[in-house]
Amino acid sequence: MRTTQVAIIGAGPSGLLLSQLLSRAGIDSIVLERQSREHVQGRIRAGLLEWGTVELLNEAGVGARMMREGLVHDGFDLAFAGRHHRIDLKRLTGRSVLVYGQTEIQKDLIEARTAEPGAVVWEALDVAPRDWDSARPSVSYIQDDVRHEVRCDFIAGCDGYHGISRASVPRERIRLYERTYPFGWLGVMADVRPLHEELVYANHERGFALCSMRSRTRSRYYVQCPLADTVEQWPDERFWEELRARLPSTYAARLITGPSIDKSIAPLRSFVTEPMRFGRMFLVGDAAHIVPPTGAKGLNLAAADVRLLSQGFTDFYRQGRATLLDEYSERALARVWKATRFSWWFTALTHRISDDAFANRLQLAELSYLAESEAGSRTMAENYVGLGFSCSHHISGAARPLPSVAQLP
């Protein structure tokens, strides 16, 4: 049996970042991950970071390579009706975003955490959080056919949408909100120079398209497609032809194509769990909420959760105060719902939702308004670079009031 202060389930970016921040604060933790290190390190994900996330990674001591190799973007383009308009993030908000692949963040975090022996347990099977509603929670797991148990003060569920943390909560204790979208994103990675120095979001009668990048020599492109489509239906030639058709002619003419090195279709959904704390177990990132990738909020929301939770643990162990831990769910959800709204709105604005001619004309009218209105552009920019934290006007969906951490039996 092992004893620790915080047991973390899941070695994705949120779990490893939380463990890294706790380590720097002198708080002991262990990360339990069911997959192998190679599998986790090789997953390809998005990579557009709010500056608050950049600062948090630097605070965790894992930002050196990110600052060398990441691409600072001061704006992005909205393309529609054969033209395009730049949203000047820096001028409108004073802030920028950084393009740095989540795969690279994962590598940086793994390197930092595995430098501390025993900090991460890979291929931990049948992980089970137990007694999280008491003052003595624990997590058990199987490795090499042996059942192990970790006794802890707190559990952090960083194990994603399909993880065991949220699934272990009785249905009557939790409220789920979900919206699914009737289309997906076909994504292609290619080692070609990006179309543009900043991201381009395109609204077109054939469907949405996004031109992004991972570096100055590696591009990531997406097109909206039916959920029933398969990757096999989209050979490279068809993808490049479709992408070019959805871009204004000035962009289409400069598109450089090449063989894909990764191709996948992802469904889109909005999903929020309330509350995000159950006794001494806290849900973090995709375990508690998912947003469509249109606004690039998924990883950034997870990092914001980690910021709040790490502050709560630090205050608890250094000062003996449980206030920040008790406020975690409400403060996190206030920001989650604002980001969920923005992601839903941005998705509805840029995608072909239906063949309703009236609705499609309204889309173009709103895009034109954003291009012509300083106030409209600033609202979009403020949401895109990331909002702050607030507890005001948030109504929790918890089935019953949450006791203070200090009051748990």
Protein backbone atom coordinates (compact mmCIF):
# COMPACT_ATOMS: atom_id res chain seq x y z
CA MET A 1 0.00 0.00 0.00
CA ARG A 2 1.23 3.47 -0.87
CA THR A 3 0.24 6.70 0.84
CA THR A 4 0.21 10.06 -0.91
CA GLN A 5 -1.51 13.42 -0.58
CA VAL A 6 -3.18 13.59 -4.01
CA ALA A 7 -3.93 10.60 -6.25
CA ILE A 8 -4.38 11.68 -9.87
CA ILE A 9 -6.19 9.44 -12.35
CA GLY A 10 -5.05 10.03 -15.93
CA ALA A 11 -1.71 11.10 -17.43
CA GLY A 12 -3.00 13.45 -20.09
CA PRO A 13 -1.94 17.10 -20.02
CA SER A 14 -4.24 18.01 -17.11
CA GLY A 15 -3.13 15.13 -14.87
CA LEU A 16 0.58 15.62 -15.51
CA LEU A 17 0.37 19.41 -15.24
CA LEU A 18 -1.44 19.15 -11.91
CA SER A 19 1.16 16.70 -10.62
CA GLN A 20 3.98 18.97 -11.78
CA LEU A 21 2.53 22.05 -10.09
CA LEU A 22 1.94 20.13 -6.87
CA SER A 23 5.50 18.83 -6.91
CA ARG A 24 6.87 22.36 -7.19
CA ALA A 25 4.68 23.32 -4.22
CA GLY A 26 6.07 20.44 -2.14
CA ILE A 27 2.85 18.39 -2.33
CA ASP A 28 3.17 14.64 -2.95
CA SER A 29 1.10 13.00 -5.70
CA ILE A 30 0.95 9.92 -7.87
CA VAL A 31 -0.46 9.72 -11.42
CA LEU A 32 -2.17 6.48 -12.51
CA GLU A 33 -2.50 5.93 -16.27
CA ARG A 34 -4.03 2.87 -17.94
CA GLN A 35 -2.17 3.33 -21.24
CA SER A 36 1.54 3.00 -21.95
CA ARG A 37 3.84 6.01 -22.02
CA GLU A 38 4.38 5.54 -25.76
CA HIS A 39 0.64 5.54 -26.46
CA VAL A 40 -0.03 8.68 -24.43
CA GLN A 41 2.98 10.51 -25.83
CA GLY A 42 2.01 9.74 -29.43
CA ARG A 43 -1.59 11.01 -29.37
CA ILE A 44 -2.16 13.86 -31.82
CA ARG A 45 -4.30 16.68 -30.48
CA ALA A 46 -4.92 20.38 -30.98
CA GLY A 47 -2.45 23.05 -30.01
CA LEU A 48 -3.67 26.63 -29.67
CA LEU A 49 -2.95 28.04 -26.21
CA GLU A 50 -4.45 31.00 -24.40
CA TRP A 51 -1.75 33.13 -22.82
CA GLY A 52 -2.98 32.14 -19.37
CA THR A 53 -2.18 28.53 -20.29
CA VAL A 54 1.25 29.59 -21.54
CA GLU A 55 1.94 31.31 -18.22
CA LEU A 56 0.79 28.26 -16.26
CA LEU A 57 3.10 25.93 -18.22
CA ASN A 58 5.98 28.32 -17.56
CA GLU A 59 5.05 28.43 -13.88
CA ALA A 60 5.19 24.62 -13.86
CA GLY A 61 8.73 24.73 -15.26
CA VAL A 62 7.88 22.98 -18.53
CA GLY A 63 7.67 25.96 -20.89
CA ALA A 64 11.24 26.41 -22.14
CA ARG A 65 10.85 24.48 -25.41
CA MET A 66 7.35 25.88 -25.90
CA MET A 67 8.70 29.44 -25.76
CA ARG A 68 11.46 28.59 -28.24
CA GLU A 69 9.37 26.70 -30.77
CA GLY A 70 5.82 28.02 -30.29
CA LEU A 71 4.32 30.49 -32.75
CA VAL A 72 2.83 33.68 -31.32
CA HIS A 73 -0.35 34.73 -33.12
CA ASP A 74 -1.74 38.23 -32.65
CA GLY A 75 -4.91 37.54 -34.63
CA PHE A 76 -6.81 35.20 -36.95
CA ASP A 77 -8.84 35.47 -40.16
CA LEU A 78 -12.55 34.96 -40.75
CA ALA A 79 -13.26 34.04 -44.39
CA PHE A 80 -16.78 34.25 -45.81
CA ALA A 81 -18.61 35.28 -48.97
CA GLY A 82 -15.37 35.23 -50.96
CA ARG A 83 -13.56 37.70 -48.67
CA HIS A 84 -11.81 37.66 -45.33
CA HIS A 85 -11.51 39.81 -42.22
CA ARG A 86 -8.76 39.74 -39.60
CA ILE A 87 -9.66 39.73 -35.90
CA ASP A 88 -6.75 41.66 -34.36
CA LEU A 89 -6.45 40.02 -30.95
CA LYS A 90 -3.50 42.08 -29.78
CA ARG A 91 -5.06 45.43 -30.61
CA LEU A 92 -8.52 44.53 -29.34
CA THR A 93 -7.53 42.80 -26.08
CA GLY A 94 -3.82 43.39 -25.54
CA ARG A 95 -3.27 39.62 -25.58
CA SER A 96 -2.10 36.99 -28.04
CA VAL A 97 -2.32 33.20 -28.36
CA LEU A 98 0.42 30.64 -28.92
CA VAL A 99 0.43 27.72 -31.36
CA TYR A 100 2.24 24.75 -29.82
CA GLY A 101 1.02 21.20 -30.36
CA GLN A 102 -0.58 19.34 -27.47
CA THR A 103 1.57 16.37 -28.43
CA GLU A 104 4.63 18.49 -27.66
CA ILE A 105 3.14 19.68 -24.36
CA GLN A 106 2.56 16.04 -23.47
CA LYS A 107 6.21 15.21 -24.21
CA ASP A 108 7.44 18.11 -22.08
CA LEU A 109 5.22 17.12 -19.15
CA ILE A 110 6.13 13.44 -19.37
CA GLU A 111 9.82 14.29 -19.35
CA ALA A 112 9.37 16.47 -16.27
CA ARG A 113 7.25 14.00 -14.28
CA THR A 114 9.19 10.83 -15.12
CA ALA A 115 12.33 12.55 -13.84
CA GLU A 116 10.78 12.01 -10.39
CA PRO A 117 10.83 8.25 -9.65
CA GLY A 118 7.42 6.77 -8.94
CA ALA A 119 5.49 9.91 -9.86
CA VAL A 120 3.67 8.17 -12.75
CA VAL A 121 2.44 4.58 -12.95
CA TRP A 122 1.91 3.54 -16.57
CA GLU A 123 -0.40 0.69 -17.62
CA ALA A 124 -2.32 0.79 -14.35
CA LEU A 125 -5.36 -1.36 -15.10
CA ASP A 126 -8.82 -1.47 -13.53
CA VAL A 127 -8.31 1.82 -11.67
CA ALA A 128 -11.04 2.36 -9.06
CA PRO A 129 -11.54 5.45 -6.87
CA ARG A 130 -12.99 4.49 -3.49
CA ASP A 131 -14.42 6.22 -0.40
CA TRP A 132 -14.13 9.64 -2.01
CA ASP A 133 -17.05 10.85 0.11
CA SER A 134 -15.08 10.27 3.30
CA ALA A 135 -11.96 11.72 4.90
CA ARG A 136 -9.96 8.62 3.84
CA PRO A 137 -10.29 8.10 0.09
CA SER A 138 -8.19 5.62 -1.86
CA VAL A 139 -7.55 4.42 -5.40
CA SER A 140 -6.83 0.83 -6.35
CA TYR A 141 -5.35 -0.53 -9.58
CA ILE A 142 -3.84 -3.66 -11.08
CA GLN A 143 -0.31 -3.88 -12.44
CA ASP A 144 1.50 -7.10 -13.36
CA ASP A 145 -1.58 -9.05 -12.16
CA VAL A 146 -1.24 -7.60 -8.65
CA ARG A 147 -3.87 -5.35 -7.04
CA HIS A 148 -2.34 -2.21 -5.49
CA GLU A 149 -3.93 0.41 -3.27
CA VAL A 150 -3.06 4.07 -2.83
CA ARG A 151 -4.34 5.86 0.28
CA CYS A 152 -4.66 9.61 -0.20
CA ASP A 153 -6.21 12.83 1.06
CA PHE A 154 -7.78 13.75 -2.28
CA ILE A 155 -8.48 12.28 -5.73
CA ALA A 156 -8.22 14.27 -8.97
CA GLY A 157 -10.12 12.71 -11.88
CA CYS A 158 -8.18 13.77 -14.98
CA ASP A 159 -9.12 10.69 -17.00
CA GLY A 160 -11.25 12.16 -19.76
CA TYR A 161 -14.80 11.70 -20.99
CA HIS A 162 -14.69 7.89 -20.88
CA GLY A 163 -12.80 7.66 -17.57
CA ILE A 164 -13.76 5.95 -14.35
CA SER A 165 -13.78 9.06 -12.14
CA ARG A 166 -17.09 10.54 -13.29
CA ALA A 167 -18.53 7.06 -13.93
CA SER A 168 -17.98 6.15 -10.27
CA VAL A 169 -20.40 8.88 -9.09
CA PRO A 170 -23.99 7.69 -8.48
CA ARG A 171 -26.35 9.04 -11.14
CA GLU A 172 -28.51 10.87 -8.58
CA ARG A 173 -25.48 12.91 -7.45
CA ILE A 174 -24.66 14.37 -10.84
CA ARG A 175 -26.31 16.40 -13.59
CA LEU A 176 -25.18 16.13 -17.20
CA TYR A 177 -25.79 18.66 -19.97
CA GLU A 178 -25.06 17.66 -23.56
CA ARG A 179 -25.46 18.91 -27.11
CA THR A 180 -24.34 16.83 -30.09
CA TYR A 181 -23.76 18.27 -33.55
CA PRO A 182 -24.91 16.62 -36.80
CA PHE A 183 -21.48 16.78 -38.46
CA GLY A 184 -17.83 16.09 -37.80
CA TRP A 185 -14.39 17.43 -38.62
CA LEU A 186 -12.17 15.63 -41.09
CA GLY A 187 -8.64 16.57 -40.07
CA VAL A 188 -5.45 16.17 -42.10
CA MET A 189 -1.86 16.74 -41.00
CA ALA A 190 0.79 17.32 -43.66
CA ASP A 191 4.39 18.43 -43.72
CA VAL A 192 3.77 21.47 -45.91
CA ARG A 193 4.15 25.19 -45.28
CA PRO A 194 0.98 26.64 -43.69
CA LEU A 195 -1.46 28.51 -45.91
CA HIS A 196 -1.21 31.68 -43.83
CA GLU A 197 0.83 33.02 -40.92
CA GLU A 198 -2.30 32.89 -38.72
CA LEU A 199 -5.35 30.62 -38.51
CA VAL A 200 -8.12 30.97 -41.11
CA TYR A 201 -11.71 30.01 -40.20
CA ALA A 202 -13.85 29.72 -43.35
CA ASN A 203 -17.62 29.79 -43.69
CA HIS A 204 -18.75 28.42 -47.07
CA GLU A 205 -21.92 27.06 -48.61
CA ARG A 206 -20.15 23.70 -48.96
CA GLY A 207 -19.31 23.67 -45.24
CA PHE A 208 -16.78 24.90 -42.71
CA ALA A 209 -13.00 24.76 -43.17
CA LEU A 210 -10.09 25.60 -40.87
CA CYS A 211 -6.49 26.21 -41.88
CA SER A 212 -4.10 25.91 -38.95
CA MET A 213 -0.58 24.72 -38.25
CA ARG A 214 1.71 22.98 -35.79
CA SER A 215 4.91 24.67 -36.94
CA ARG A 216 6.26 26.68 -39.83
CA THR A 217 6.65 23.46 -41.83
CA ARG A 218 3.72 21.33 -40.58
CA SER A 219 0.09 22.21 -41.31
CA ARG A 220 -3.18 20.99 -39.85
CA TYR A 221 -6.34 21.41 -41.96
CA TYR A 222 -9.98 20.55 -41.34
CA VAL A 223 -13.20 20.40 -43.34
CA GLN A 224 -16.73 19.85 -42.06
CA CYS A 225 -18.09 16.48 -43.16
CA PRO A 226 -21.10 14.20 -42.48
CA LEU A 227 -20.77 11.99 -39.41
CA ALA A 228 -21.43 8.94 -41.57
CA ASP A 229 -18.30 9.57 -43.65
CA THR A 230 -15.19 7.42 -43.22
CA VAL A 231 -11.53 8.28 -43.72
CA GLU A 232 -11.43 5.85 -46.64
CA GLN A 233 -13.93 8.05 -48.49
CA TRP A 234 -11.49 10.94 -48.30
CA PRO A 235 -8.27 10.22 -50.21
CA ASP A 236 -5.79 13.08 -50.12
CA GLU A 237 -6.74 14.35 -53.58
CA ARG A 238 -10.40 14.72 -52.63
CA PHE A 239 -9.54 16.45 -49.36
CA TRP A 240 -7.26 19.06 -50.96
CA GLU A 241 -9.81 19.74 -53.71
CA GLU A 242 -12.58 20.25 -51.17
CA LEU A 243 -10.47 22.47 -48.91
CA ARG A 244 -9.47 24.66 -51.84
CA ALA A 245 -13.13 25.01 -52.90
CA ARG A 246 -14.09 26.37 -49.47
CA LEU A 247 -11.45 29.12 -49.36
CA PRO A 248 -11.46 32.60 -50.91
CA SER A 249 -9.57 32.58 -54.21
CA THR A 250 -6.64 34.55 -52.77
CA TYR A 251 -6.07 31.79 -50.22
CA ALA A 252 -6.92 28.87 -52.50
CA ALA A 253 -4.24 29.99 -54.95
CA ARG A 254 -1.47 29.78 -52.33
CA LEU A 255 -2.48 26.43 -50.78
CA ILE A 256 0.41 23.95 -50.79
CA THR A 257 -0.61 20.29 -50.73
CA GLY A 258 1.24 17.11 -49.88
CA PRO A 259 0.75 13.57 -48.59
CA SER A 260 -1.12 13.35 -45.29
CA ILE A 261 0.75 12.00 -42.26
CA ASP A 262 -2.40 11.80 -40.14
CA LYS A 263 -6.08 11.73 -41.07
CA SER A 264 -9.11 11.30 -38.83
CA ILE A 265 -12.77 12.24 -38.42
CA ALA A 266 -13.91 13.63 -35.06
CA PRO A 267 -17.53 14.15 -33.95
CA LEU A 268 -18.42 17.42 -32.25
CA ARG A 269 -20.20 17.73 -28.92
CA SER A 270 -20.76 20.06 -26.01
CA PHE A 271 -20.86 18.38 -22.60
CA VAL A 272 -20.82 19.76 -19.05
CA THR A 273 -20.98 17.96 -15.70
CA GLU A 274 -22.33 19.62 -12.57
CA PRO A 275 -20.90 19.72 -10.00
CA MET A 276 -17.18 19.12 -10.57
CA ARG A 277 -16.44 18.05 -7.00
CA PHE A 278 -17.78 15.05 -5.09
CA GLY A 279 -16.54 14.86 -1.53
CA ARG A 280 -12.76 14.66 -1.83
CA MET A 281 -12.78 13.80 -5.54
CA PHE A 282 -12.46 16.59 -8.11
CA LEU A 283 -13.16 16.28 -11.85
CA VAL A 284 -10.75 18.05 -14.18
CA GLY A 285 -10.77 18.77 -17.92
CA ASP A 286 -12.56 16.35 -20.27
CA ALA A 287 -13.77 14.29 -17.32
CA ALA A 288 -16.11 17.20 -16.57
CA HIS A 289 -16.60 19.08 -19.83
CA ILE A 290 -16.07 18.88 -23.58
CA VAL A 291 -16.51 21.62 -26.18
CA PRO A 292 -16.39 21.52 -29.98
CA PRO A 293 -12.87 22.42 -31.16
CA THR A 294 -13.97 25.50 -33.10
CA GLY A 295 -12.85 27.93 -30.40
CA ALA A 296 -9.81 25.87 -29.25
CA LYS A 297 -11.05 25.81 -25.66
CA GLY A 298 -10.67 22.16 -24.64
CA LEU A 299 -7.06 22.10 -23.48
CA ASN A 300 -7.28 25.66 -22.18
CA LEU A 301 -10.31 24.86 -20.01
CA ALA A 302 -8.48 21.84 -18.61
CA ALA A 303 -5.48 24.04 -17.78
CA ALA A 304 -7.79 26.55 -16.08
CA ASP A 305 -9.24 23.74 -13.95
CA VAL A 306 -5.72 22.68 -13.02
CA ARG A 307 -4.83 26.24 -12.03
CA LEU A 308 -7.80 26.47 -9.66
CA LEU A 309 -7.30 23.01 -8.17
CA SER A 310 -3.56 23.37 -7.66
CA GLN A 311 -4.16 26.69 -5.88
CA GLY A 312 -6.75 24.99 -3.69
CA PHE A 313 -4.42 22.14 -2.74
CA THR A 314 -1.54 24.54 -2.07
CA ASP A 315 -3.68 26.70 0.19
CA PHE A 316 -4.97 23.63 2.00
CA TYR A 317 -1.57 22.13 2.76
CA ARG A 318 0.32 25.38 3.40
CA GLN A 319 -2.32 27.40 5.24
CA GLY A 320 -4.77 24.75 6.41
CA ARG A 321 -7.63 26.46 4.55
CA ALA A 322 -10.24 24.53 2.53
CA THR A 323 -11.99 27.60 1.07
CA LEU A 324 -10.49 27.36 -2.44
CA LEU A 325 -11.18 23.65 -2.64
CA ASP A 326 -14.77 24.24 -1.56
CA GLU A 327 -15.12 26.93 -4.25
CA TYR A 328 -13.45 24.88 -7.00
CA SER A 329 -16.58 23.55 -8.67
CA GLU A 330 -18.46 26.85 -8.76
CA ARG A 331 -15.47 28.89 -9.95
CA ALA A 332 -14.51 26.35 -12.61
CA LEU A 333 -18.07 25.97 -13.92
CA ALA A 334 -18.57 29.73 -14.22
CA ARG A 335 -15.71 29.81 -16.73
CA VAL A 336 -16.64 26.49 -18.35
CA TRP A 337 -20.14 27.66 -19.22
CA LYS A 338 -18.86 30.90 -20.78
CA ALA A 339 -16.38 28.95 -22.91
CA THR A 340 -19.08 26.42 -23.80
CA ARG A 341 -21.33 29.25 -24.96
CA PHE A 342 -18.54 30.75 -27.08
CA SER A 343 -17.63 27.40 -28.65
CA TRP A 344 -21.27 26.68 -29.46
CA TRP A 345 -21.77 30.19 -30.91
CA PHE A 346 -18.57 30.09 -33.00
CA THR A 347 -19.53 26.64 -34.31
CA ALA A 348 -23.03 27.78 -35.25
CA LEU A 349 -21.61 30.89 -36.91
CA THR A 350 -19.09 29.16 -39.15
CA HIS A 351 -20.58 25.76 -40.01
CA ARG A 352 -23.25 24.75 -42.49
CA ILE A 353 -25.93 23.77 -40.00
CA SER A 354 -28.72 23.06 -42.50
CA ASP A 355 -30.00 23.89 -45.96
CA ASP A 356 -32.26 26.59 -44.53
CA ALA A 357 -31.57 29.57 -46.82
CA PHE A 358 -32.85 32.05 -44.22
CA ALA A 359 -30.53 30.72 -41.50
CA ASN A 360 -27.56 30.75 -43.87
CA ARG A 361 -28.22 34.37 -44.82
CA LEU A 362 -28.33 35.25 -41.12
CA GLN A 363 -24.90 33.66 -40.73
CA LEU A 364 -23.48 35.91 -43.44
CA ALA A 365 -25.17 38.95 -41.93
CA GLU A 366 -23.60 38.24 -38.54
CA LEU A 367 -20.16 37.65 -40.08
CA SER A 368 -20.48 40.96 -41.93
CA TYR A 369 -21.44 42.68 -38.69
CA LEU A 370 -18.39 41.27 -36.92
CA ALA A 371 -16.17 42.49 -39.74
CA GLU A 372 -17.66 45.99 -39.65
CA SER A 373 -18.17 46.47 -35.90
CA GLU A 374 -15.34 47.27 -33.51
CA ALA A 375 -17.52 46.17 -30.59
CA GLY A 376 -18.44 42.88 -32.29
CA SER A 377 -14.82 42.11 -33.14
CA ARG A 378 -13.73 42.94 -29.58
CA THR A 379 -16.34 40.60 -28.08
CA MET A 380 -15.11 37.78 -30.28
CA ALA A 381 -11.48 38.56 -29.48
CA GLU A 382 -12.09 38.66 -25.71
CA ASN A 383 -13.65 35.21 -25.79
CA TYR A 384 -11.01 33.80 -28.13
CA VAL A 385 -8.02 34.80 -25.99
CA GLY A 386 -9.77 33.50 -22.86
CA LEU A 387 -11.98 34.95 -20.14
CA GLY A 388 -11.11 35.25 -16.47
CA PHE A 389 -12.75 33.55 -13.47
CA SER A 390 -15.97 34.59 -11.78
CA CYS A 391 -18.48 32.93 -9.48
CA SER A 392 -21.23 35.46 -10.10
CA HIS A 393 -24.61 34.39 -11.45
CA HIS A 394 -23.73 30.72 -11.70
CA ILE A 395 -26.46 28.32 -10.60
CA SER A 396 -25.10 24.90 -9.70
CA GLY A 397 -26.90 21.81 -10.88
CA ALA A 398 -25.79 19.83 -7.84
CA ALA A 399 -28.44 17.52 -6.43
CA ARG A 400 -27.63 18.66 -2.89
CA PRO A 401 -25.38 21.28 -1.24
CA LEU A 402 -21.73 20.31 -0.99
CA PRO A 403 -20.23 20.15 2.50
CA SER A 404 -16.90 21.77 3.18
CA VAL A 405 -13.87 19.55 2.74
CA ALA A 406 -13.19 20.16 6.43
CA GLN A 407 -16.65 18.83 7.35
CA LEU A 408 -16.33 15.47 5.61
CA PRO A 409 -16.49 12.50 7.98
